Amino acid sequence: MVRVSDGLRVLIVDDDPLVRAGLAMMIDGAHGISVVGEASDGAEVPAAVAAHSPHVVLMDLRMPRVDGIAATRELRRHRDAPEVVVLTTFDSDENILFALRAGAGGFLLKDTPPAEIVDAVRRIAAGEPILSPRITRRLMERAATQAGAYERARAALASLSPRENEVVLAVGQGHANARIAADLYMTVATVKAHVSSILTKLDLDNRTQIALLAHDAGLV
């Protein structure tokens, strides 16, 4: 819960200027809430938060340089960080889980009625987690259909080498190949070879599935 004294301050982060303008008009007119700043990319979030000290950040998910998940993860590492509500058009299971694991306190879709978005800003500032009803249903369905996911994920990882497991963890943390190579002291080509081997051994199709496996195994 954030401490609000002279009104609730909101920062809007979205790469679409029309979306930012619409949200600002909607929220700034609500009693006791003011939009103190805007950012067009996740890379701009640290400076914007330092400059404006918002209580709540409305965070877009897909942005050109730094996406909302990475920006949220970095922001929430700091003490007294503002609460984050992800506001997006993308409601895939992995997006929901990654955003919540990154530290977002809420996840709303952009077609949420204006009054509900304003209410969500107030509630998240008061420390109440916020999920749109559609998102709640998706998470309940995922939980119901993935009983034993932890055990299956752990068994799958047990078939990999220690080095491949390190790569799985790094992919689950959202790191690109260059970052993984630097952190694990290997070449980018070697990282790509490990990723290819992991996909083949576990019969997976892409890096997103590797990241979800890491999540199901409790690594991230």
C-alpha atoms as a PDB file:
ATOM      1  CA  MET A   1       0.000   0.000   0.000  1.00  0.00           C
ATOM      2  CA  VAL A   2       1.318   3.434  -0.902  1.00  0.00           C
ATOM      3  CA  ARG A   3       1.045   6.459   1.378  1.00  0.00           C
ATOM      4  CA  VAL A   4      -1.204   9.080  -0.190  1.00  0.00           C
ATOM      5  CA  SER A   5      -1.444  12.519   1.417  1.00  0.00           C
ATOM      6  CA  ASP A   6      -2.222  15.351  -1.027  1.00  0.00           C
ATOM      7  CA  GLY A   7      -3.917  13.303  -3.709  1.00  0.00           C
ATOM      8  CA  LEU A   8      -3.132  10.226  -5.734  1.00  0.00           C
ATOM      9  CA  ARG A   9      -0.406  10.689  -8.371  1.00  0.00           C
ATOM     10  CA  VAL A  10      -0.421   8.538 -11.513  1.00  0.00           C
ATOM     11  CA  LEU A  11       2.195   7.953 -14.210  1.00  0.00           C
ATOM     12  CA  ILE A  12       1.005   6.657 -17.595  1.00  0.00           C
ATOM     13  CA  VAL A  13       3.374   4.486 -19.646  1.00  0.00           C
ATOM     14  CA  ASP A  14       2.260   3.623 -23.177  1.00  0.00           C
ATOM     15  CA  ASP A  15       3.891   3.873 -26.591  1.00  0.00           C
ATOM     16  CA  ASP A  16       0.663   5.125 -28.212  1.00  0.00           C
ATOM     17  CA  PRO A  17       0.240   8.899 -27.671  1.00  0.00           C
ATOM     18  CA  LEU A  18      -3.503   8.660 -28.298  1.00  0.00           C
ATOM     19  CA  VAL A  19      -3.872   6.039 -25.570  1.00  0.00           C
ATOM     20  CA  ARG A  20      -1.846   8.187 -23.171  1.00  0.00           C
ATOM     21  CA  ALA A  21      -3.979  11.218 -23.973  1.00  0.00           C
ATOM     22  CA  GLY A  22      -7.211   9.265 -23.496  1.00  0.00           C
ATOM     23  CA  LEU A  23      -6.126   7.794 -20.176  1.00  0.00           C
ATOM     24  CA  ALA A  24      -4.907  11.181 -18.971  1.00  0.00           C
ATOM     25  CA  MET A  25      -8.246  12.827 -19.783  1.00  0.00           C
ATOM     26  CA  MET A  26     -10.114  10.014 -18.072  1.00  0.00           C
ATOM     27  CA  ILE A  27      -8.031   9.807 -14.903  1.00  0.00           C
ATOM     28  CA  ASP A  28      -7.039  13.442 -14.401  1.00  0.00           C
ATOM     29  CA  GLY A  29     -10.674  14.400 -14.127  1.00  0.00           C
ATOM     30  CA  ALA A  30     -11.366  11.982 -11.283  1.00  0.00           C
ATOM     31  CA  HIS A  31     -11.602  13.483  -7.808  1.00  0.00           C
ATOM     32  CA  GLY A  32      -8.365  13.225  -5.857  1.00  0.00           C
ATOM     33  CA  ILE A  33      -6.338  11.777  -8.739  1.00  0.00           C
ATOM     34  CA  SER A  34      -3.840  13.607 -10.920  1.00  0.00           C
ATOM     35  CA  VAL A  35      -1.707  12.426 -13.835  1.00  0.00           C
ATOM     36  CA  VAL A  36       1.753  13.746 -13.009  1.00  0.00           C
ATOM     37  CA  GLY A  37       3.686  12.362 -15.963  1.00  0.00           C
ATOM     38  CA  GLU A  38       3.811  10.199 -19.059  1.00  0.00           C
ATOM     39  CA  ALA A  39       6.375   7.894 -20.672  1.00  0.00           C
ATOM     40  CA  SER A  40       6.368   6.271 -24.096  1.00  0.00           C
ATOM     41  CA  ASP A  41       8.611   3.292 -23.312  1.00  0.00           C
ATOM     42  CA  GLY A  42       9.674   1.143 -20.389  1.00  0.00           C
ATOM     43  CA  ALA A  43      13.191   2.535 -20.718  1.00  0.00           C
ATOM     44  CA  GLU A  44      11.861   5.927 -19.628  1.00  0.00           C
ATOM     45  CA  VAL A  45      10.151   4.647 -16.480  1.00  0.00           C
ATOM     46  CA  PRO A  46      12.999   4.980 -13.925  1.00  0.00           C
ATOM     47  CA  ALA A  47      13.614   8.634 -14.805  1.00  0.00           C
ATOM     48  CA  ALA A  48       9.897   9.420 -14.907  1.00  0.00           C
ATOM     49  CA  VAL A  49       9.319   7.827 -11.502  1.00  0.00           C
ATOM     50  CA  ALA A  50      12.283   9.712 -10.034  1.00  0.00           C
ATOM     51  CA  ALA A  51      11.008  12.992 -11.468  1.00  0.00           C
ATOM     52  CA  HIS A  52       7.318  12.667 -10.573  1.00  0.00           C
ATOM     53  CA  SER A  53       7.119  10.270  -7.568  1.00  0.00           C
ATOM     54  CA  PRO A  54       3.848   8.630  -8.656  1.00  0.00           C
ATOM     55  CA  HIS A  55       1.837   6.428  -6.348  1.00  0.00           C
ATOM     56  CA  VAL A  56       0.558   4.268  -9.220  1.00  0.00           C
ATOM     57  CA  VAL A  57       1.982   3.458 -12.660  1.00  0.00           C
ATOM     58  CA  LEU A  58      -0.364   2.416 -15.464  1.00  0.00           C
ATOM     59  CA  MET A  59       1.944   0.248 -17.553  1.00  0.00           C
ATOM     60  CA  ASP A  60       1.500  -0.838 -21.160  1.00  0.00           C
ATOM     61  CA  LEU A  61       2.789  -4.327 -21.935  1.00  0.00           C
ATOM     62  CA  ARG A  62       4.310  -4.195 -25.418  1.00  0.00           C
ATOM     63  CA  MET A  63       6.640  -1.302 -26.119  1.00  0.00           C
ATOM     64  CA  PRO A  64       9.480  -1.014 -28.653  1.00  0.00           C
ATOM     65  CA  ARG A  65      12.587  -0.954 -26.448  1.00  0.00           C
ATOM     66  CA  VAL A  66      11.793  -2.113 -22.913  1.00  0.00           C
ATOM     67  CA  ASP A  67       8.478  -3.907 -22.433  1.00  0.00           C
ATOM     68  CA  GLY A  68       6.148  -3.466 -19.500  1.00  0.00           C
ATOM     69  CA  ILE A  69       7.141  -6.699 -17.791  1.00  0.00           C
ATOM     70  CA  ALA A  70      10.845  -5.837 -17.742  1.00  0.00           C
ATOM     71  CA  ALA A  71      10.078  -2.264 -16.653  1.00  0.00           C
ATOM     72  CA  THR A  72       7.819  -3.504 -13.856  1.00  0.00           C
ATOM     73  CA  ARG A  73      10.395  -6.019 -12.663  1.00  0.00           C
ATOM     74  CA  GLU A  74      13.102  -3.353 -12.480  1.00  0.00           C
ATOM     75  CA  LEU A  75      10.813  -0.813 -10.818  1.00  0.00           C
ATOM     76  CA  ARG A  76       9.531  -3.153  -8.122  1.00  0.00           C
ATOM     77  CA  ARG A  77      13.048  -4.070  -7.014  1.00  0.00           C
ATOM     78  CA  HIS A  78      13.337  -0.699  -5.308  1.00  0.00           C
ATOM     79  CA  ARG A  79      12.111   0.197  -1.868  1.00  0.00           C
ATOM     80  CA  ASP A  80       8.995   2.404  -1.793  1.00  0.00           C
ATOM     81  CA  ALA A  81       8.315   1.677  -5.469  1.00  0.00           C
ATOM     82  CA  PRO A  82       4.909   2.744  -6.794  1.00  0.00           C
ATOM     83  CA  GLU A  83       2.234   0.158  -7.408  1.00  0.00           C
ATOM     84  CA  VAL A  84       1.929  -1.044 -11.011  1.00  0.00           C
ATOM     85  CA  VAL A  85      -1.228  -1.821 -12.955  1.00  0.00           C
ATOM     86  CA  VAL A  86      -0.599  -3.438 -16.330  1.00  0.00           C
ATOM     87  CA  LEU A  87      -3.128  -2.116 -18.838  1.00  0.00           C
ATOM     88  CA  THR A  88      -2.986  -3.959 -22.152  1.00  0.00           C
ATOM     89  CA  THR A  89      -4.854  -5.484 -25.064  1.00  0.00           C
ATOM     90  CA  PHE A  90      -2.897  -8.746 -24.727  1.00  0.00           C
ATOM     91  CA  ASP A  91      -4.392 -11.228 -22.252  1.00  0.00           C
ATOM     92  CA  SER A  92      -2.472 -14.432 -22.986  1.00  0.00           C
ATOM     93  CA  ASP A  93      -1.744 -16.656 -20.006  1.00  0.00           C
ATOM     94  CA  GLU A  94       2.008 -16.064 -20.184  1.00  0.00           C
ATOM     95  CA  ASN A  95       1.558 -12.280 -20.228  1.00  0.00           C
ATOM     96  CA  ILE A  96      -0.671 -12.409 -17.156  1.00  0.00           C
ATOM     97  CA  LEU A  97       1.667 -14.665 -15.206  1.00  0.00           C
ATOM     98  CA  PHE A  98       4.838 -12.838 -16.195  1.00  0.00           C
ATOM     99  CA  ALA A  99       3.341  -9.463 -15.248  1.00  0.00           C
ATOM    100  CA  LEU A 100       2.219 -10.696 -11.846  1.00  0.00           C
ATOM    101  CA  ARG A 101       5.517 -12.450 -11.205  1.00  0.00           C
ATOM    102  CA  ALA A 102       7.326  -9.226 -12.121  1.00  0.00           C
ATOM    103  CA  GLY A 103       5.512  -7.458  -9.305  1.00  0.00           C
ATOM    104  CA  ALA A 104       2.460  -5.909 -10.934  1.00  0.00           C
ATOM    105  CA  GLY A 105      -0.368  -5.471  -8.478  1.00  0.00           C
ATOM    106  CA  GLY A 106      -3.027  -5.521 -11.147  1.00  0.00           C
ATOM    107  CA  PHE A 107      -3.777  -6.542 -14.713  1.00  0.00           C
ATOM    108  CA  LEU A 108      -6.541  -4.844 -16.697  1.00  0.00           C
ATOM    109  CA  LEU A 109      -7.517  -4.942 -20.337  1.00  0.00           C
ATOM    110  CA  LYS A 110      -7.737  -1.703 -22.287  1.00  0.00           C
ATOM    111  CA  ASP A 111     -11.413  -2.281 -23.026  1.00  0.00           C
ATOM    112  CA  THR A 112     -12.140  -1.991 -19.290  1.00  0.00           C
ATOM    113  CA  PRO A 113     -14.774   0.737 -18.719  1.00  0.00           C
ATOM    114  CA  PRO A 114     -13.261   4.105 -17.665  1.00  0.00           C
ATOM    115  CA  ALA A 115     -14.949   4.128 -14.269  1.00  0.00           C
ATOM    116  CA  GLU A 116     -13.468   0.713 -13.479  1.00  0.00           C
ATOM    117  CA  ILE A 117      -9.964   1.852 -14.440  1.00  0.00           C
ATOM    118  CA  VAL A 118     -10.291   4.855 -12.106  1.00  0.00           C
ATOM    119  CA  ASP A 119     -11.592   2.586  -9.346  1.00  0.00           C
ATOM    120  CA  ALA A 120      -8.699   0.189  -9.955  1.00  0.00           C
ATOM    121  CA  VAL A 121      -6.170   3.012  -9.530  1.00  0.00           C
ATOM    122  CA  ARG A 122      -7.675   3.868  -6.139  1.00  0.00           C
ATOM    123  CA  ARG A 123      -7.869   0.263  -5.012  1.00  0.00           C
ATOM    124  CA  ILE A 124      -4.325  -0.654  -6.074  1.00  0.00           C
ATOM    125  CA  ALA A 125      -3.016   2.394  -4.189  1.00  0.00           C
ATOM    126  CA  ALA A 126      -4.825   1.076  -1.116  1.00  0.00           C
ATOM    127  CA  GLY A 127      -2.995  -2.242  -1.437  1.00  0.00           C
ATOM    128  CA  GLU A 128      -5.764  -4.274  -3.025  1.00  0.00           C
ATOM    129  CA  PRO A 129      -4.708  -6.525  -5.950  1.00  0.00           C
ATOM    130  CA  ILE A 130      -6.755  -5.891  -9.080  1.00  0.00           C
ATOM    131  CA  LEU A 131      -7.593  -8.337 -11.861  1.00  0.00           C
ATOM    132  CA  SER A 132     -10.320  -7.877 -14.436  1.00  0.00           C
ATOM    133  CA  PRO A 133     -13.009 -10.595 -14.232  1.00  0.00           C
ATOM    134  CA  ARG A 134     -11.879 -12.064 -17.556  1.00  0.00           C
ATOM    135  CA  ILE A 135      -8.306 -12.375 -16.257  1.00  0.00           C
ATOM    136  CA  THR A 136      -9.484 -14.007 -13.021  1.00  0.00           C
ATOM    137  CA  ARG A 137     -11.379 -16.629 -15.013  1.00  0.00           C
ATOM    138  CA  ARG A 138      -8.313 -17.316 -17.162  1.00  0.00           C
ATOM    139  CA  LEU A 139      -6.130 -17.898 -14.108  1.00  0.00           C
ATOM    140  CA  MET A 140      -8.733 -20.169 -12.512  1.00  0.00           C
ATOM    141  CA  GLU A 141      -8.995 -22.195 -15.707  1.00  0.00           C
ATOM    142  CA  ARG A 142      -5.220 -22.477 -15.944  1.00  0.00           C
ATOM    143  CA  ALA A 143      -4.979 -23.663 -12.333  1.00  0.00           C
ATOM    144  CA  ALA A 144      -7.728 -26.226 -12.910  1.00  0.00           C
ATOM    145  CA  THR A 145      -6.105 -27.668 -16.018  1.00  0.00           C
ATOM    146  CA  GLN A 146      -2.522 -27.681 -14.776  1.00  0.00           C
ATOM    147  CA  ALA A 147      -2.670 -29.828 -11.682  1.00  0.00           C
ATOM    148  CA  GLY A 148       0.717 -31.389 -11.257  1.00  0.00           C
ATOM    149  CA  ALA A 149       2.418 -28.792 -13.474  1.00  0.00           C
ATOM    150  CA  TYR A 150       5.188 -28.294 -10.911  1.00  0.00           C
ATOM    151  CA  GLU A 151       6.034 -31.985 -10.800  1.00  0.00           C
ATOM    152  CA  ARG A 152       5.963 -32.307 -14.600  1.00  0.00           C
ATOM    153  CA  ALA A 153       8.156 -29.244 -15.022  1.00  0.00           C
ATOM    154  CA  ARG A 154      10.684 -30.488 -12.476  1.00  0.00           C
ATOM    155  CA  ALA A 155      10.803 -33.901 -14.142  1.00  0.00           C
ATOM    156  CA  ALA A 156      11.393 -32.270 -17.525  1.00  0.00           C
ATOM    157  CA  LEU A 157      14.237 -30.138 -16.190  1.00  0.00           C
ATOM    158  CA  ALA A 158      15.831 -33.199 -14.620  1.00  0.00           C
ATOM    159  CA  SER A 159      16.450 -34.533 -18.127  1.00  0.00           C
ATOM    160  CA  LEU A 160      18.609 -31.500 -18.991  1.00  0.00           C
ATOM    161  CA  SER A 161      22.253 -30.899 -18.251  1.00  0.00           C
ATOM    162  CA  PRO A 162      23.257 -28.438 -15.493  1.00  0.00           C
ATOM    163  CA  ARG A 163      24.300 -25.910 -18.151  1.00  0.00           C
ATOM    164  CA  GLU A 164      20.996 -26.266 -19.975  1.00  0.00           C
ATOM    165  CA  ASN A 165      19.163 -25.688 -16.708  1.00  0.00           C
ATOM    166  CA  GLU A 166      21.107 -22.456 -16.254  1.00  0.00           C
ATOM    167  CA  VAL A 167      19.955 -21.367 -19.703  1.00  0.00           C
ATOM    168  CA  VAL A 168      16.345 -22.286 -18.851  1.00  0.00           C
ATOM    169  CA  LEU A 169      16.536 -20.077 -15.768  1.00  0.00           C
ATOM    170  CA  ALA A 170      17.977 -17.183 -17.763  1.00  0.00           C
ATOM    171  CA  VAL A 171      15.302 -17.506 -20.450  1.00  0.00           C
ATOM    172  CA  GLY A 172      12.656 -17.619 -17.724  1.00  0.00           C
ATOM    173  CA  GLN A 173      14.029 -14.353 -16.356  1.00  0.00           C
ATOM    174  CA  GLY A 174      13.471 -12.791 -19.763  1.00  0.00           C
ATOM    175  CA  HIS A 175      17.119 -12.313 -20.738  1.00  0.00           C
ATOM    176  CA  ALA A 176      18.190 -12.092 -24.389  1.00  0.00           C
ATOM    177  CA  ASN A 177      20.921 -14.326 -25.785  1.00  0.00           C
ATOM    178  CA  ALA A 178      23.620 -11.659 -25.457  1.00  0.00           C
ATOM    179  CA  ARG A 179      22.840 -11.145 -21.763  1.00  0.00           C
ATOM    180  CA  ILE A 180      22.767 -14.903 -21.142  1.00  0.00           C
ATOM    181  CA  ALA A 181      26.111 -15.306 -22.887  1.00  0.00           C
ATOM    182  CA  ALA A 182      27.689 -12.585 -20.768  1.00  0.00           C
ATOM    183  CA  ASP A 183      26.236 -13.881 -17.491  1.00  0.00           C
ATOM    184  CA  LEU A 184      27.177 -17.514 -18.140  1.00  0.00           C
ATOM    185  CA  TYR A 185      30.549 -16.806 -19.783  1.00  0.00           C
ATOM    186  CA  MET A 186      29.763 -18.408 -23.123  1.00  0.00           C
ATOM    187  CA  THR A 187      29.347 -17.241 -26.702  1.00  0.00           C
ATOM    188  CA  VAL A 188      26.008 -16.246 -28.176  1.00  0.00           C
ATOM    189  CA  ALA A 189      26.346 -19.171 -30.586  1.00  0.00           C
ATOM    190  CA  THR A 190      26.691 -21.545 -27.635  1.00  0.00           C
ATOM    191  CA  VAL A 191      23.593 -20.066 -26.001  1.00  0.00           C
ATOM    192  CA  LYS A 192      21.644 -20.605 -29.218  1.00  0.00           C
ATOM    193  CA  ALA A 193      22.880 -24.198 -29.352  1.00  0.00           C
ATOM    194  CA  HIS A 194      21.737 -24.805 -25.772  1.00  0.00           C
ATOM    195  CA  VAL A 195      18.315 -23.281 -26.493  1.00  0.00           C
ATOM    196  CA  SER A 196      17.949 -25.476 -29.577  1.00  0.00           C
ATOM    197  CA  SER A 197      18.930 -28.548 -27.558  1.00  0.00           C
ATOM    198  CA  ILE A 198      16.420 -27.694 -24.826  1.00  0.00           C
ATOM    199  CA  LEU A 199      13.619 -27.266 -27.367  1.00  0.00           C
ATOM    200  CA  THR A 200      14.462 -30.618 -28.950  1.00  0.00           C
ATOM    201  CA  LYS A 201      14.850 -32.574 -25.701  1.00  0.00           C
ATOM    202  CA  LEU A 202      11.607 -31.233 -24.199  1.00  0.00           C
ATOM    203  CA  ASP A 203       9.610 -31.150 -27.453  1.00  0.00           C
ATOM    204  CA  LEU A 204       8.923 -27.423 -27.125  1.00  0.00           C
ATOM    205  CA  ASP A 205       8.264 -24.938 -29.907  1.00  0.00           C
ATOM    206  CA  ASN A 206       9.730 -21.639 -28.723  1.00  0.00           C
ATOM    207  CA  ARG A 207      11.428 -19.636 -25.963  1.00  0.00           C
ATOM    208  CA  THR A 208       8.109 -18.624 -24.435  1.00  0.00           C
ATOM    209  CA  GLN A 209       7.388 -22.258 -23.644  1.00  0.00           C
ATOM    210  CA  ILE A 210      10.825 -22.558 -22.031  1.00  0.00           C
ATOM    211  CA  ALA A 211      10.020 -19.518 -19.885  1.00  0.00           C
ATOM    212  CA  LEU A 212       6.647 -20.978 -18.865  1.00  0.00           C
ATOM    213  CA  LEU A 213       8.374 -24.231 -17.942  1.00  0.00           C
ATOM    214  CA  ALA A 214      10.754 -22.285 -15.711  1.00  0.00           C
ATOM    215  CA  HIS A 215       7.757 -20.591 -14.120  1.00  0.00           C
ATOM    216  CA  ASP A 216       5.907 -23.877 -13.547  1.00  0.00           C
ATOM    217  CA  ALA A 217       9.048 -25.343 -11.947  1.00  0.00           C
ATOM    218  CA  GLY A 218       9.192 -22.435  -9.510  1.00  0.00           C
ATOM    219  CA  LEU A 219      12.499 -21.085 -10.832  1.00  0.00           C
ATOM    220  CA  VAL A 220      11.198 -17.559 -11.490  1.00  0.00           C
END
